[in-house]
N, C-alpha and C. Protein backbone atom coordinates (compact mmCIF):
# COMPACT_ATOMS: atom_id res chain seq x y z
N MET A 1 27.34 2.95 -11.23
CA MET A 1 27.22 2.39 -9.91
C MET A 1 25.77 2.01 -9.66
N LYS A 2 25.54 0.79 -9.23
CA LYS A 2 24.19 0.31 -8.92
C LYS A 2 23.93 0.58 -7.44
N THR A 3 22.75 1.14 -7.15
CA THR A 3 22.45 1.50 -5.77
C THR A 3 21.17 0.82 -5.29
N PHE A 4 21.06 0.71 -3.96
CA PHE A 4 19.86 0.13 -3.37
C PHE A 4 19.54 0.81 -2.05
N TYR A 5 18.29 0.67 -1.69
CA TYR A 5 17.77 1.18 -0.42
C TYR A 5 16.89 0.08 0.17
N ILE A 6 16.93 -0.10 1.49
CA ILE A 6 16.09 -1.10 2.13
C ILE A 6 15.22 -0.43 3.19
N CYS A 7 13.93 -0.69 3.11
CA CYS A 7 12.96 -0.28 4.13
C CYS A 7 12.53 -1.54 4.84
N THR A 8 12.72 -1.59 6.14
CA THR A 8 12.43 -2.79 6.90
C THR A 8 11.29 -2.57 7.88
N ALA A 9 10.32 -3.49 7.86
CA ALA A 9 9.24 -3.46 8.84
C ALA A 9 9.84 -3.64 10.23
N ASN A 10 9.18 -3.14 11.22
CA ASN A 10 9.67 -3.26 12.60
C ASN A 10 9.41 -4.68 13.08
N CYS A 11 10.30 -5.59 12.67
CA CYS A 11 10.13 -7.01 12.95
C CYS A 11 11.51 -7.65 13.02
N ILE A 12 11.81 -8.36 14.07
CA ILE A 12 13.14 -8.96 14.24
C ILE A 12 13.48 -9.91 13.10
N THR A 13 12.53 -10.74 12.70
CA THR A 13 12.78 -11.68 11.61
C THR A 13 13.09 -10.94 10.32
N LYS A 14 12.36 -9.88 10.04
CA LYS A 14 12.59 -9.12 8.82
C LYS A 14 13.90 -8.33 8.88
N ASP A 15 14.32 -7.92 10.09
CA ASP A 15 15.61 -7.27 10.24
C ASP A 15 16.73 -8.21 9.81
N ILE A 16 16.61 -9.47 10.16
CA ILE A 16 17.61 -10.48 9.78
C ILE A 16 17.60 -10.66 8.26
N ASP A 17 16.42 -10.78 7.67
CA ASP A 17 16.32 -10.90 6.21
C ASP A 17 16.93 -9.68 5.53
N SER A 18 16.63 -8.50 6.03
CA SER A 18 17.16 -7.27 5.43
C SER A 18 18.68 -7.23 5.50
N GLN A 19 19.25 -7.68 6.59
CA GLN A 19 20.71 -7.70 6.71
C GLN A 19 21.31 -8.69 5.72
N ARG A 20 20.66 -9.83 5.55
CA ARG A 20 21.14 -10.81 4.57
C ARG A 20 21.09 -10.23 3.15
N ILE A 21 20.01 -9.54 2.82
CA ILE A 21 19.86 -8.91 1.50
C ILE A 21 20.91 -7.81 1.33
N TYR A 22 21.10 -7.01 2.36
CA TYR A 22 22.10 -5.94 2.34
C TYR A 22 23.49 -6.52 2.03
N ASP A 23 23.90 -7.52 2.80
CA ASP A 23 25.21 -8.14 2.62
C ASP A 23 25.36 -8.74 1.22
N TYR A 24 24.30 -9.36 0.74
CA TYR A 24 24.28 -9.97 -0.58
C TYR A 24 24.46 -8.92 -1.68
N LEU A 25 23.71 -7.83 -1.59
CA LEU A 25 23.81 -6.78 -2.61
C LEU A 25 25.19 -6.12 -2.59
N ILE A 26 25.74 -5.89 -1.41
CA ILE A 26 27.10 -5.33 -1.30
C ILE A 26 28.09 -6.28 -1.97
N ALA A 27 27.95 -7.58 -1.74
CA ALA A 27 28.84 -8.57 -2.36
C ALA A 27 28.71 -8.57 -3.88
N ASN A 28 27.59 -8.10 -4.39
CA ASN A 28 27.35 -8.05 -5.83
C ASN A 28 27.54 -6.63 -6.39
N ASP A 29 28.38 -5.87 -5.73
CA ASP A 29 28.80 -4.54 -6.21
C ASP A 29 27.70 -3.49 -6.24
N TYR A 30 26.69 -3.65 -5.41
CA TYR A 30 25.71 -2.59 -5.22
C TYR A 30 26.18 -1.71 -4.08
N THR A 31 25.75 -0.47 -4.08
CA THR A 31 26.08 0.47 -3.02
C THR A 31 24.79 0.90 -2.34
N PHE A 32 24.80 0.87 -1.01
CA PHE A 32 23.63 1.33 -0.26
C PHE A 32 23.55 2.85 -0.36
N THR A 33 22.33 3.35 -0.52
CA THR A 33 22.10 4.79 -0.52
C THR A 33 20.94 5.13 0.41
N LYS A 34 21.05 6.26 1.05
CA LYS A 34 19.94 6.76 1.85
C LYS A 34 18.97 7.55 0.98
N ASN A 35 19.38 7.85 -0.24
CA ASN A 35 18.57 8.62 -1.17
C ASN A 35 17.71 7.66 -2.00
N TYR A 36 16.64 7.19 -1.40
CA TYR A 36 15.79 6.19 -2.05
C TYR A 36 15.18 6.69 -3.35
N SER A 37 15.03 7.99 -3.50
CA SER A 37 14.42 8.52 -4.71
C SER A 37 15.33 8.38 -5.93
N LYS A 38 16.58 7.99 -5.71
CA LYS A 38 17.51 7.78 -6.82
C LYS A 38 18.06 6.36 -6.85
N ALA A 39 17.55 5.48 -6.00
CA ALA A 39 18.06 4.10 -5.93
C ALA A 39 17.59 3.27 -7.12
N ASP A 40 18.46 2.39 -7.57
CA ASP A 40 18.09 1.45 -8.63
C ASP A 40 17.11 0.40 -8.11
N LEU A 41 17.33 -0.03 -6.88
CA LEU A 41 16.44 -1.01 -6.23
C LEU A 41 15.98 -0.47 -4.89
N ILE A 42 14.69 -0.62 -4.62
CA ILE A 42 14.16 -0.34 -3.29
C ILE A 42 13.55 -1.66 -2.81
N ILE A 43 14.11 -2.19 -1.74
CA ILE A 43 13.62 -3.45 -1.18
C ILE A 43 12.79 -3.10 0.05
N ILE A 44 11.56 -3.58 0.07
CA ILE A 44 10.68 -3.32 1.21
C ILE A 44 10.38 -4.67 1.86
N THR A 45 10.88 -4.85 3.08
CA THR A 45 10.57 -6.07 3.81
C THR A 45 9.35 -5.79 4.67
N THR A 46 8.30 -6.54 4.42
CA THR A 46 7.00 -6.28 5.05
C THR A 46 6.74 -7.21 6.23
N CYS A 47 5.75 -6.83 7.01
CA CYS A 47 5.27 -7.64 8.13
C CYS A 47 3.75 -7.61 8.10
N ALA A 48 3.15 -8.73 8.43
CA ALA A 48 1.69 -8.79 8.50
C ALA A 48 1.26 -9.58 9.74
N PHE A 49 2.07 -9.46 10.78
CA PHE A 49 1.79 -10.18 12.02
C PHE A 49 0.45 -9.77 12.62
N CYS A 50 0.12 -8.49 12.50
CA CYS A 50 -1.16 -8.00 13.00
C CYS A 50 -1.63 -6.90 12.04
N ASP A 51 -2.85 -6.42 12.23
CA ASP A 51 -3.40 -5.40 11.34
C ASP A 51 -2.54 -4.14 11.29
N LEU A 52 -2.01 -3.73 12.44
CA LEU A 52 -1.19 -2.52 12.49
C LEU A 52 0.07 -2.68 11.64
N LYS A 53 0.75 -3.82 11.77
CA LYS A 53 1.97 -4.07 10.98
C LYS A 53 1.64 -4.15 9.50
N GLU A 54 0.53 -4.76 9.18
CA GLU A 54 0.11 -4.88 7.78
C GLU A 54 -0.14 -3.49 7.19
N GLU A 55 -0.83 -2.66 7.94
CA GLU A 55 -1.13 -1.30 7.47
C GLU A 55 0.15 -0.49 7.30
N GLN A 56 1.08 -0.62 8.22
CA GLN A 56 2.36 0.08 8.12
C GLN A 56 3.11 -0.36 6.86
N SER A 57 3.06 -1.65 6.56
CA SER A 57 3.72 -2.18 5.36
C SER A 57 3.10 -1.61 4.09
N ILE A 58 1.77 -1.55 4.05
CA ILE A 58 1.07 -1.00 2.88
C ILE A 58 1.42 0.47 2.69
N LYS A 59 1.43 1.22 3.78
CA LYS A 59 1.78 2.65 3.70
C LYS A 59 3.20 2.83 3.18
N ALA A 60 4.12 1.99 3.63
CA ALA A 60 5.51 2.07 3.17
C ALA A 60 5.59 1.77 1.67
N ILE A 61 4.90 0.74 1.22
CA ILE A 61 4.91 0.38 -0.21
C ILE A 61 4.39 1.55 -1.04
N LYS A 62 3.26 2.09 -0.65
CA LYS A 62 2.68 3.22 -1.41
C LYS A 62 3.60 4.43 -1.40
N TYR A 63 4.23 4.69 -0.27
CA TYR A 63 5.14 5.82 -0.17
C TYR A 63 6.31 5.67 -1.14
N TYR A 64 6.96 4.53 -1.10
CA TYR A 64 8.13 4.34 -1.95
C TYR A 64 7.76 4.22 -3.43
N MET A 65 6.58 3.70 -3.72
CA MET A 65 6.12 3.67 -5.12
C MET A 65 5.98 5.10 -5.65
N LYS A 66 5.50 5.98 -4.80
CA LYS A 66 5.29 7.37 -5.20
C LYS A 66 6.60 8.14 -5.33
N HIS A 67 7.61 7.78 -4.52
CA HIS A 67 8.84 8.56 -4.45
C HIS A 67 10.05 7.90 -5.12
N LYS A 68 9.86 6.79 -5.78
CA LYS A 68 11.00 6.14 -6.44
C LYS A 68 11.33 6.87 -7.74
N SER A 69 12.51 6.62 -8.24
CA SER A 69 12.89 7.21 -9.52
C SER A 69 12.15 6.51 -10.65
N SER A 70 12.18 7.08 -11.82
CA SER A 70 11.51 6.48 -12.97
C SER A 70 12.17 5.16 -13.37
N PHE A 71 13.44 4.98 -13.05
CA PHE A 71 14.15 3.75 -13.39
C PHE A 71 14.23 2.78 -12.21
N GLY A 72 13.83 3.21 -11.03
CA GLY A 72 13.93 2.38 -9.84
C GLY A 72 12.95 1.22 -9.85
N LYS A 73 13.40 0.10 -9.31
CA LYS A 73 12.55 -1.08 -9.19
C LYS A 73 12.24 -1.33 -7.73
N ILE A 74 10.99 -1.71 -7.46
CA ILE A 74 10.55 -2.04 -6.11
C ILE A 74 10.49 -3.56 -5.98
N ILE A 75 11.08 -4.07 -4.90
CA ILE A 75 11.01 -5.49 -4.59
C ILE A 75 10.40 -5.61 -3.21
N ILE A 76 9.31 -6.37 -3.13
CA ILE A 76 8.62 -6.57 -1.85
C ILE A 76 8.92 -7.98 -1.37
N THR A 77 9.37 -8.07 -0.14
CA THR A 77 9.60 -9.36 0.50
C THR A 77 8.95 -9.30 1.88
N GLY A 78 9.12 -10.32 2.65
CA GLY A 78 8.45 -10.38 3.95
C GLY A 78 7.17 -11.18 3.87
N CYS A 79 6.40 -11.16 4.93
CA CYS A 79 5.24 -12.05 5.02
C CYS A 79 3.94 -11.49 4.45
N LEU A 80 3.86 -10.19 4.20
CA LEU A 80 2.61 -9.63 3.71
C LEU A 80 2.11 -10.28 2.42
N PRO A 81 2.94 -10.46 1.39
CA PRO A 81 2.42 -11.06 0.15
C PRO A 81 1.82 -12.45 0.34
N LYS A 82 2.36 -13.21 1.28
CA LYS A 82 1.85 -14.56 1.52
C LYS A 82 0.60 -14.54 2.41
N ILE A 83 0.61 -13.71 3.42
CA ILE A 83 -0.50 -13.68 4.38
C ILE A 83 -1.73 -12.99 3.80
N ASN A 84 -1.51 -11.87 3.09
CA ASN A 84 -2.65 -11.12 2.58
C ASN A 84 -2.31 -10.47 1.24
N SER A 85 -2.14 -11.28 0.22
CA SER A 85 -1.77 -10.76 -1.10
C SER A 85 -2.85 -9.85 -1.69
N ALA A 86 -4.09 -10.00 -1.23
CA ALA A 86 -5.18 -9.15 -1.72
C ALA A 86 -4.90 -7.67 -1.44
N ARG A 87 -4.16 -7.38 -0.37
CA ARG A 87 -3.83 -6.00 -0.03
C ARG A 87 -2.92 -5.36 -1.08
N LEU A 88 -2.25 -6.19 -1.86
CA LEU A 88 -1.33 -5.68 -2.87
C LEU A 88 -1.97 -5.60 -4.25
N SER A 89 -3.20 -6.06 -4.37
CA SER A 89 -3.84 -6.17 -5.68
C SER A 89 -4.10 -4.83 -6.36
N ASN A 90 -4.24 -3.76 -5.59
CA ASN A 90 -4.49 -2.45 -6.21
C ASN A 90 -3.22 -1.62 -6.35
N ILE A 91 -2.08 -2.25 -6.09
CA ILE A 91 -0.77 -1.61 -6.26
C ILE A 91 -0.06 -2.40 -7.35
N ASP A 92 0.61 -1.71 -8.26
CA ASP A 92 1.30 -2.46 -9.31
C ASP A 92 2.73 -1.98 -9.48
N ASN A 93 3.42 -2.62 -10.40
CA ASN A 93 4.78 -2.26 -10.78
C ASN A 93 5.80 -2.59 -9.70
N PHE A 94 5.74 -3.80 -9.19
CA PHE A 94 6.72 -4.27 -8.22
C PHE A 94 6.92 -5.77 -8.42
N LYS A 95 7.97 -6.29 -7.84
CA LYS A 95 8.26 -7.71 -7.87
C LYS A 95 8.21 -8.22 -6.44
N VAL A 96 7.66 -9.42 -6.25
CA VAL A 96 7.60 -10.05 -4.93
C VAL A 96 8.62 -11.19 -4.89
N ILE A 97 9.42 -11.20 -3.84
CA ILE A 97 10.33 -12.31 -3.59
C ILE A 97 10.07 -12.79 -2.17
N SER A 98 9.64 -14.02 -2.06
CA SER A 98 9.33 -14.61 -0.76
C SER A 98 10.59 -14.73 0.09
N PRO A 99 10.47 -14.58 1.41
CA PRO A 99 11.63 -14.74 2.29
C PRO A 99 12.25 -16.14 2.20
N THR A 100 11.47 -17.12 1.77
CA THR A 100 12.00 -18.48 1.63
C THR A 100 12.62 -18.70 0.25
N GLU A 101 12.55 -17.68 -0.60
CA GLU A 101 13.10 -17.80 -1.96
C GLU A 101 13.99 -16.60 -2.31
N LEU A 102 14.78 -16.17 -1.34
CA LEU A 102 15.63 -15.00 -1.57
C LEU A 102 16.66 -15.25 -2.69
N ASP A 103 16.90 -16.51 -3.02
CA ASP A 103 17.81 -16.81 -4.12
C ASP A 103 17.28 -16.31 -5.47
N LYS A 104 16.01 -15.93 -5.53
CA LYS A 104 15.45 -15.36 -6.76
C LYS A 104 16.06 -14.00 -7.08
N PHE A 105 16.72 -13.40 -6.10
CA PHE A 105 17.47 -12.17 -6.37
C PHE A 105 18.56 -12.43 -7.40
N ASP A 106 19.11 -13.65 -7.43
CA ASP A 106 20.21 -13.98 -8.34
C ASP A 106 19.88 -13.63 -9.78
N ASP A 107 18.72 -14.08 -10.26
CA ASP A 107 18.32 -13.79 -11.64
C ASP A 107 17.95 -12.33 -11.81
N LEU A 108 17.31 -11.78 -10.81
CA LEU A 108 16.84 -10.40 -10.90
C LEU A 108 17.99 -9.41 -11.09
N ILE A 109 19.08 -9.61 -10.36
CA ILE A 109 20.20 -8.67 -10.47
C ILE A 109 21.36 -9.25 -11.27
N LYS A 110 21.18 -10.45 -11.81
CA LYS A 110 22.26 -11.12 -12.57
C LYS A 110 23.51 -11.21 -11.69
N ALA A 111 23.34 -11.86 -10.54
CA ALA A 111 24.36 -11.90 -9.50
C ALA A 111 25.58 -12.71 -9.88
N ASN A 112 26.74 -12.18 -9.51
CA ASN A 112 27.98 -12.95 -9.60
C ASN A 112 28.15 -13.80 -8.34
N VAL A 113 27.81 -13.23 -7.19
CA VAL A 113 27.84 -13.95 -5.93
C VAL A 113 26.42 -14.41 -5.65
N LYS A 114 26.19 -15.71 -5.64
CA LYS A 114 24.85 -16.25 -5.49
C LYS A 114 24.34 -16.14 -4.06
N PHE A 115 23.03 -16.03 -3.92
CA PHE A 115 22.41 -15.94 -2.61
C PHE A 115 22.56 -17.27 -1.92
């Protein structure tokens, strides 16, 4: 069973993106789990609308990087990578998928149901 966890920035736009990703992964036979430390995928939707939101996003990324399983993959989406990618330069081992390119999930998970 393939599992996923989604961490969403406190942002209405990102909530919509997270719901779309959630529905997409469910359609592709993934199961949502609250146990992020054992999830195959951890999707972090970030916000960088202001310094506070940006800092919250960075803290979330670092937290989940530290607590993910050895086989878990981190996917970062949202506006932080585009607005301030330099903030991510000292963090590694993740994939970025832009909110305007969510169809890139198709190749990443080898989707049967396309985004």
